[in-house]
Amino acid sequence: MKLKGRNQIRPEFNMSSMTDVVFLLLIFFMIASTLAKQLNTIDVKLPQAEGKTENRNTVAVTITNSNQFYLNADRVNKRNLEKNLIDVLKTMKTRSIVLRTEKKVAIEQVVYVMNLANKNGVKVVLAVDTP
């Protein structure tokens, strides 16, 4: 009399679990590569604070120590900043800017940009360096 066990080992490999792992890794690397992009190419020394100010759907306004204004990577005149900012924000879904200023920029320059944003209903986020 031959007795067969119910649990037999089969030499087949199920690919569905391997496919799930590869799919999750693909999603992880796609999200990580999107977050790794630089927000702007202008090198400024930002003040330090705790928190996070990354938002990819915004426009960056940068003020350097020599009172030069940049809209994203383009240098703009202070008196043309409002017009150029509104033109750029017309094409965006969310009306918000990231204000990037160096440590020694006069507060009047920062308040000027914040007043422009407030007057036009634009949300302002102040960019800082994390320690």
N, C-alpha and C. Protein backbone atom coordinates (compact mmCIF):
# COMPACT_ATOMS: atom_id res chain seq x y z
N MET A 1 0.81 -1.15 0.00
CA MET A 1 0.00 0.00 0.00
C MET A 1 0.88 1.25 0.00
N LYS A 2 0.62 2.13 -0.92
CA LYS A 2 1.39 3.36 -1.04
C LYS A 2 0.61 4.49 -0.38
N LEU A 3 1.30 5.18 0.50
CA LEU A 3 0.68 6.34 1.13
C LEU A 3 1.33 7.61 0.57
N LYS A 4 0.52 8.52 0.10
CA LYS A 4 1.03 9.79 -0.43
C LYS A 4 0.68 10.89 0.55
N GLY A 5 1.66 11.75 0.77
CA GLY A 5 1.40 12.90 1.63
C GLY A 5 0.66 13.99 0.86
N ARG A 6 -0.05 14.80 1.58
CA ARG A 6 -0.79 15.87 0.93
C ARG A 6 0.10 17.04 0.54
N ASN A 7 1.14 17.28 1.26
CA ASN A 7 2.03 18.41 1.00
C ASN A 7 3.22 17.95 0.16
N GLN A 8 3.10 18.16 -1.10
CA GLN A 8 4.20 17.81 -1.97
C GLN A 8 4.93 19.07 -2.39
N ILE A 9 6.21 19.00 -2.48
CA ILE A 9 7.03 20.13 -2.91
C ILE A 9 7.08 20.16 -4.43
N ARG A 10 6.69 21.31 -4.97
CA ARG A 10 6.72 21.46 -6.42
C ARG A 10 7.89 22.36 -6.79
N PRO A 11 8.63 22.04 -7.82
CA PRO A 11 9.80 22.84 -8.21
C PRO A 11 9.45 24.06 -9.05
N GLU A 12 8.23 24.55 -9.02
CA GLU A 12 7.83 25.71 -9.82
C GLU A 12 8.04 26.98 -9.01
N PHE A 13 8.28 28.07 -9.72
CA PHE A 13 8.50 29.36 -9.06
C PHE A 13 7.36 30.31 -9.46
N ASN A 14 6.74 30.93 -8.47
CA ASN A 14 5.64 31.84 -8.73
C ASN A 14 6.20 33.25 -8.96
N MET A 15 5.97 33.79 -10.14
CA MET A 15 6.54 35.09 -10.50
C MET A 15 5.71 36.27 -10.02
N SER A 16 4.53 36.07 -9.52
CA SER A 16 3.67 37.19 -9.14
C SER A 16 4.25 37.97 -7.96
N SER A 17 4.84 37.29 -7.00
CA SER A 17 5.43 38.01 -5.87
C SER A 17 6.68 38.79 -6.31
N MET A 18 7.46 38.24 -7.22
CA MET A 18 8.63 38.94 -7.74
C MET A 18 8.20 40.16 -8.54
N THR A 19 7.14 40.07 -9.29
CA THR A 19 6.62 41.20 -10.06
C THR A 19 6.16 42.32 -9.13
N ASP A 20 5.52 41.96 -8.03
CA ASP A 20 5.09 42.96 -7.06
C ASP A 20 6.27 43.71 -6.48
N VAL A 21 7.33 43.02 -6.13
CA VAL A 21 8.51 43.66 -5.57
C VAL A 21 9.15 44.60 -6.57
N VAL A 22 9.28 44.17 -7.81
CA VAL A 22 9.88 45.01 -8.85
C VAL A 22 9.01 46.25 -9.10
N PHE A 23 7.72 46.08 -9.09
CA PHE A 23 6.81 47.21 -9.31
C PHE A 23 6.93 48.23 -8.17
N LEU A 24 7.00 47.78 -6.94
CA LEU A 24 7.16 48.69 -5.80
C LEU A 24 8.50 49.41 -5.85
N LEU A 25 9.55 48.72 -6.23
CA LEU A 25 10.86 49.38 -6.37
C LEU A 25 10.83 50.43 -7.48
N LEU A 26 10.15 50.15 -8.56
CA LEU A 26 10.03 51.11 -9.66
C LEU A 26 9.31 52.37 -9.19
N ILE A 27 8.22 52.21 -8.47
CA ILE A 27 7.48 53.38 -7.95
C ILE A 27 8.34 54.16 -6.98
N PHE A 28 9.06 53.48 -6.09
CA PHE A 28 9.92 54.16 -5.13
C PHE A 28 10.98 55.01 -5.83
N PHE A 29 11.65 54.45 -6.82
CA PHE A 29 12.71 55.19 -7.50
C PHE A 29 12.17 56.32 -8.37
N MET A 30 10.97 56.17 -8.90
CA MET A 30 10.37 57.26 -9.66
C MET A 30 10.05 58.44 -8.74
N ILE A 31 9.51 58.17 -7.57
CA ILE A 31 9.20 59.25 -6.63
C ILE A 31 10.48 59.86 -6.08
N ALA A 32 11.46 59.04 -5.74
CA ALA A 32 12.72 59.56 -5.19
C ALA A 32 13.46 60.41 -6.19
N SER A 33 13.44 60.04 -7.46
CA SER A 33 14.15 60.85 -8.46
C SER A 33 13.44 62.18 -8.70
N THR A 34 12.13 62.22 -8.55
CA THR A 34 11.40 63.48 -8.71
C THR A 34 11.72 64.43 -7.57
N LEU A 35 11.84 63.92 -6.37
CA LEU A 35 12.12 64.76 -5.21
C LEU A 35 13.57 65.19 -5.14
N ALA A 36 14.45 64.53 -5.87
CA ALA A 36 15.87 64.84 -5.80
C ALA A 36 16.28 66.01 -6.69
N LYS A 37 15.36 66.52 -7.53
CA LYS A 37 15.71 67.63 -8.40
C LYS A 37 15.94 68.90 -7.60
N GLN A 38 16.83 69.74 -8.09
CA GLN A 38 17.09 71.02 -7.43
C GLN A 38 15.94 71.98 -7.69
N LEU A 39 15.61 72.78 -6.70
CA LEU A 39 14.55 73.76 -6.85
C LEU A 39 14.99 74.91 -7.73
N ASN A 40 16.24 75.30 -7.62
CA ASN A 40 16.71 76.46 -8.36
C ASN A 40 18.21 76.32 -8.57
N THR A 41 18.75 77.03 -9.54
CA THR A 41 20.17 76.93 -9.83
C THR A 41 20.98 78.09 -9.28
N ILE A 42 20.34 79.11 -8.73
CA ILE A 42 21.05 80.25 -8.18
C ILE A 42 21.51 79.89 -6.78
N ASP A 43 22.80 80.01 -6.53
CA ASP A 43 23.37 79.60 -5.26
C ASP A 43 23.32 80.77 -4.27
N VAL A 44 22.47 80.66 -3.27
CA VAL A 44 22.38 81.67 -2.22
C VAL A 44 22.49 80.97 -0.88
N LYS A 45 23.02 81.67 0.11
CA LYS A 45 23.15 81.12 1.45
C LYS A 45 21.88 81.49 2.23
N LEU A 46 21.03 80.50 2.41
CA LEU A 46 19.75 80.72 3.06
C LEU A 46 19.90 80.69 4.58
N PRO A 47 19.03 81.40 5.30
CA PRO A 47 19.05 81.29 6.76
C PRO A 47 18.63 79.88 7.17
N GLN A 48 19.07 79.46 8.35
CA GLN A 48 18.76 78.11 8.80
C GLN A 48 17.53 78.10 9.68
N ALA A 49 16.74 77.07 9.54
CA ALA A 49 15.56 76.85 10.38
C ALA A 49 15.14 75.40 10.24
N GLU A 50 14.31 74.97 11.14
CA GLU A 50 13.79 73.61 11.08
C GLU A 50 12.53 73.64 10.24
N GLY A 51 12.34 72.64 9.43
CA GLY A 51 11.14 72.58 8.61
C GLY A 51 11.49 72.26 7.17
N LYS A 52 10.48 72.27 6.35
CA LYS A 52 10.64 71.88 4.96
C LYS A 52 9.92 72.89 4.09
N THR A 53 10.57 73.38 3.02
CA THR A 53 9.93 74.37 2.16
C THR A 53 9.95 73.94 0.70
N GLU A 54 10.00 72.65 0.46
CA GLU A 54 10.03 72.20 -0.93
C GLU A 54 8.63 72.08 -1.47
N ASN A 55 8.41 72.70 -2.58
CA ASN A 55 7.16 72.56 -3.29
C ASN A 55 7.49 72.75 -4.76
N ARG A 56 7.27 71.74 -5.54
CA ARG A 56 7.69 71.77 -6.94
C ARG A 56 6.76 72.57 -7.85
N ASN A 57 5.56 72.90 -7.40
CA ASN A 57 4.61 73.60 -8.25
C ASN A 57 4.59 75.09 -7.94
N THR A 58 5.73 75.66 -7.68
CA THR A 58 5.80 77.07 -7.33
C THR A 58 6.82 77.79 -8.20
N VAL A 59 6.82 79.09 -8.06
CA VAL A 59 7.79 79.94 -8.72
C VAL A 59 8.76 80.42 -7.65
N ALA A 60 10.05 80.43 -7.95
CA ALA A 60 11.05 80.87 -6.99
C ALA A 60 11.43 82.32 -7.26
N VAL A 61 11.35 83.15 -6.23
CA VAL A 61 11.83 84.53 -6.29
C VAL A 61 13.05 84.58 -5.38
N THR A 62 14.19 84.96 -5.94
CA THR A 62 15.45 84.97 -5.20
C THR A 62 15.98 86.40 -5.11
N ILE A 63 16.43 86.77 -3.91
CA ILE A 63 17.06 88.08 -3.69
C ILE A 63 18.46 87.82 -3.16
N THR A 64 19.47 88.36 -3.83
CA THR A 64 20.85 88.18 -3.40
C THR A 64 21.28 89.34 -2.50
N ASN A 65 22.46 89.20 -1.89
CA ASN A 65 22.98 90.25 -1.01
C ASN A 65 23.20 91.57 -1.74
N SER A 66 23.43 91.50 -3.04
CA SER A 66 23.64 92.73 -3.82
C SER A 66 22.34 93.28 -4.39
N ASN A 67 21.20 92.89 -3.80
CA ASN A 67 19.86 93.36 -4.17
C ASN A 67 19.51 93.07 -5.62
N GLN A 68 19.93 91.93 -6.12
CA GLN A 68 19.54 91.48 -7.45
C GLN A 68 18.36 90.54 -7.29
N PHE A 69 17.35 90.71 -8.12
CA PHE A 69 16.14 89.90 -8.06
C PHE A 69 16.15 88.89 -9.19
N TYR A 70 15.77 87.65 -8.87
CA TYR A 70 15.68 86.59 -9.87
C TYR A 70 14.29 85.97 -9.79
N LEU A 71 13.72 85.70 -10.92
CA LEU A 71 12.46 84.98 -11.02
C LEU A 71 12.78 83.64 -11.64
N ASN A 72 12.70 82.58 -10.84
CA ASN A 72 13.25 81.27 -11.17
C ASN A 72 14.74 81.47 -11.43
N ALA A 73 15.24 81.28 -12.63
CA ALA A 73 16.67 81.46 -12.90
C ALA A 73 16.95 82.73 -13.70
N ASP A 74 15.93 83.51 -13.99
CA ASP A 74 16.08 84.71 -14.82
C ASP A 74 16.19 85.96 -13.95
N ARG A 75 17.20 86.77 -14.24
CA ARG A 75 17.36 88.02 -13.50
C ARG A 75 16.33 89.04 -14.00
N VAL A 76 15.65 89.70 -13.06
CA VAL A 76 14.65 90.70 -13.42
C VAL A 76 14.92 91.99 -12.65
N ASN A 77 14.47 93.07 -13.22
CA ASN A 77 14.56 94.36 -12.57
C ASN A 77 13.53 94.44 -11.45
N LYS A 78 13.82 95.16 -10.39
CA LYS A 78 12.90 95.24 -9.26
C LYS A 78 11.56 95.84 -9.68
N ARG A 79 11.59 96.85 -10.53
CA ARG A 79 10.33 97.48 -10.93
C ARG A 79 9.53 96.63 -11.90
N ASN A 80 10.17 95.66 -12.58
CA ASN A 80 9.46 94.75 -13.49
C ASN A 80 9.08 93.43 -12.83
N LEU A 81 9.43 93.28 -11.55
CA LEU A 81 9.20 92.01 -10.87
C LEU A 81 7.71 91.65 -10.82
N GLU A 82 6.88 92.60 -10.47
CA GLU A 82 5.45 92.31 -10.33
C GLU A 82 4.84 91.85 -11.66
N LYS A 83 5.14 92.55 -12.72
CA LYS A 83 4.59 92.20 -14.03
C LYS A 83 5.07 90.81 -14.47
N ASN A 84 6.37 90.55 -14.32
CA ASN A 84 6.90 89.25 -14.72
C ASN A 84 6.35 88.13 -13.85
N LEU A 85 6.19 88.40 -12.57
CA LEU A 85 5.67 87.39 -11.64
C LEU A 85 4.23 87.03 -12.01
N ILE A 86 3.43 88.02 -12.29
CA ILE A 86 2.03 87.76 -12.67
C ILE A 86 1.96 86.99 -13.98
N ASP A 87 2.83 87.33 -14.93
CA ASP A 87 2.85 86.61 -16.21
C ASP A 87 3.19 85.14 -16.02
N VAL A 88 4.15 84.86 -15.15
CA VAL A 88 4.54 83.47 -14.91
C VAL A 88 3.44 82.72 -14.16
N LEU A 89 2.82 83.38 -13.19
CA LEU A 89 1.80 82.72 -12.37
C LEU A 89 0.50 82.46 -13.13
N LYS A 90 0.28 83.15 -14.24
CA LYS A 90 -0.93 82.91 -15.03
C LYS A 90 -0.96 81.49 -15.58
N THR A 91 0.20 80.92 -15.85
CA THR A 91 0.27 79.58 -16.43
C THR A 91 0.26 78.48 -15.37
N MET A 92 0.35 78.84 -14.09
CA MET A 92 0.43 77.86 -13.02
C MET A 92 -0.97 77.55 -12.46
N LYS A 93 -1.14 76.34 -11.95
CA LYS A 93 -2.40 75.98 -11.31
C LYS A 93 -2.51 76.62 -9.93
N THR A 94 -1.46 76.45 -9.14
CA THR A 94 -1.46 77.02 -7.79
C THR A 94 -0.66 78.30 -7.80
N ARG A 95 -1.21 79.34 -7.24
CA ARG A 95 -0.55 80.64 -7.22
C ARG A 95 0.25 80.76 -5.93
N SER A 96 1.48 80.29 -5.97
CA SER A 96 2.35 80.40 -4.80
C SER A 96 3.80 80.58 -5.25
N ILE A 97 4.57 81.26 -4.41
CA ILE A 97 5.99 81.48 -4.71
C ILE A 97 6.81 81.05 -3.51
N VAL A 98 8.04 80.66 -3.80
CA VAL A 98 9.03 80.38 -2.76
C VAL A 98 9.99 81.55 -2.75
N LEU A 99 10.07 82.25 -1.64
CA LEU A 99 10.92 83.42 -1.51
C LEU A 99 12.26 82.99 -0.93
N ARG A 100 13.32 83.11 -1.73
CA ARG A 100 14.66 82.70 -1.33
C ARG A 100 15.51 83.95 -1.19
N THR A 101 15.97 84.25 0.01
CA THR A 101 16.82 85.42 0.23
C THR A 101 18.07 85.00 0.98
N GLU A 102 19.16 85.70 0.68
CA GLU A 102 20.39 85.44 1.42
C GLU A 102 20.27 86.02 2.83
N LYS A 103 21.18 85.63 3.69
CA LYS A 103 21.09 86.00 5.10
C LYS A 103 21.11 87.50 5.34
N LYS A 104 21.87 88.24 4.57
CA LYS A 104 22.07 89.66 4.87
C LYS A 104 21.25 90.59 4.01
N VAL A 105 20.21 90.08 3.39
CA VAL A 105 19.33 90.93 2.58
C VAL A 105 18.50 91.79 3.53
N ALA A 106 18.35 93.06 3.18
CA ALA A 106 17.57 93.98 4.01
C ALA A 106 16.11 93.53 4.05
N ILE A 107 15.50 93.70 5.21
CA ILE A 107 14.12 93.27 5.40
C ILE A 107 13.17 94.03 4.47
N GLU A 108 13.54 95.23 4.05
CA GLU A 108 12.69 96.01 3.14
C GLU A 108 12.49 95.28 1.81
N GLN A 109 13.54 94.61 1.35
CA GLN A 109 13.44 93.87 0.08
C GLN A 109 12.48 92.69 0.23
N VAL A 110 12.56 92.01 1.36
CA VAL A 110 11.68 90.87 1.60
C VAL A 110 10.23 91.33 1.71
N VAL A 111 10.02 92.41 2.44
CA VAL A 111 8.67 92.95 2.61
C VAL A 111 8.11 93.44 1.27
N TYR A 112 8.96 93.98 0.42
CA TYR A 112 8.52 94.44 -0.91
C TYR A 112 7.93 93.28 -1.69
N VAL A 113 8.63 92.13 -1.72
CA VAL A 113 8.15 90.97 -2.47
C VAL A 113 6.89 90.41 -1.81
N MET A 114 6.85 90.39 -0.49
CA MET A 114 5.67 89.87 0.21
C MET A 114 4.45 90.76 -0.04
N ASN A 115 4.66 92.07 -0.11
CA ASN A 115 3.55 92.99 -0.43
C ASN A 115 3.03 92.77 -1.85
N LEU A 116 3.96 92.55 -2.79
CA LEU A 116 3.54 92.25 -4.17
C LEU A 116 2.67 90.99 -4.20
N ALA A 117 3.11 89.98 -3.48
CA ALA A 117 2.37 88.72 -3.45
C ALA A 117 1.01 88.90 -2.78
N ASN A 118 0.99 89.61 -1.67
CA ASN A 118 -0.25 89.83 -0.95
C ASN A 118 -1.25 90.63 -1.79
N LYS A 119 -0.76 91.63 -2.49
CA LYS A 119 -1.62 92.47 -3.33
C LYS A 119 -2.26 91.67 -4.46
N ASN A 120 -1.55 90.65 -4.95
CA ASN A 120 -2.04 89.85 -6.08
C ASN A 120 -2.61 88.50 -5.66
N GLY A 121 -2.79 88.27 -4.36
CA GLY A 121 -3.39 87.02 -3.88
C GLY A 121 -2.52 85.81 -4.09
N VAL A 122 -1.22 85.95 -3.89
CA VAL A 122 -0.27 84.86 -4.09
C VAL A 122 0.24 84.40 -2.73
N LYS A 123 0.28 83.10 -2.52
CA LYS A 123 0.81 82.52 -1.29
C LYS A 123 2.34 82.58 -1.31
N VAL A 124 2.95 82.97 -0.18
CA VAL A 124 4.41 83.08 -0.10
C VAL A 124 4.93 82.06 0.91
N VAL A 125 5.97 81.34 0.51
CA VAL A 125 6.67 80.42 1.39
C VAL A 125 8.12 80.88 1.45
N LEU A 126 8.64 81.05 2.66
CA LEU A 126 10.01 81.50 2.84
C LEU A 126 10.94 80.30 2.88
N ALA A 127 11.91 80.26 1.99
CA ALA A 127 12.84 79.13 1.91
C ALA A 127 13.93 79.29 2.95
N VAL A 128 14.27 78.19 3.62
CA VAL A 128 15.35 78.18 4.61
C VAL A 128 16.19 76.94 4.41
N ASP A 129 17.39 76.96 4.97
CA ASP A 129 18.27 75.80 4.97
C ASP A 129 18.01 75.02 6.25
N THR A 130 17.96 73.70 6.14
CA THR A 130 17.82 72.88 7.34
C THR A 130 19.22 72.57 7.87
N PRO A 131 19.37 72.60 9.18
CA PRO A 131 20.71 72.37 9.76
C PRO A 131 21.18 70.95 9.58
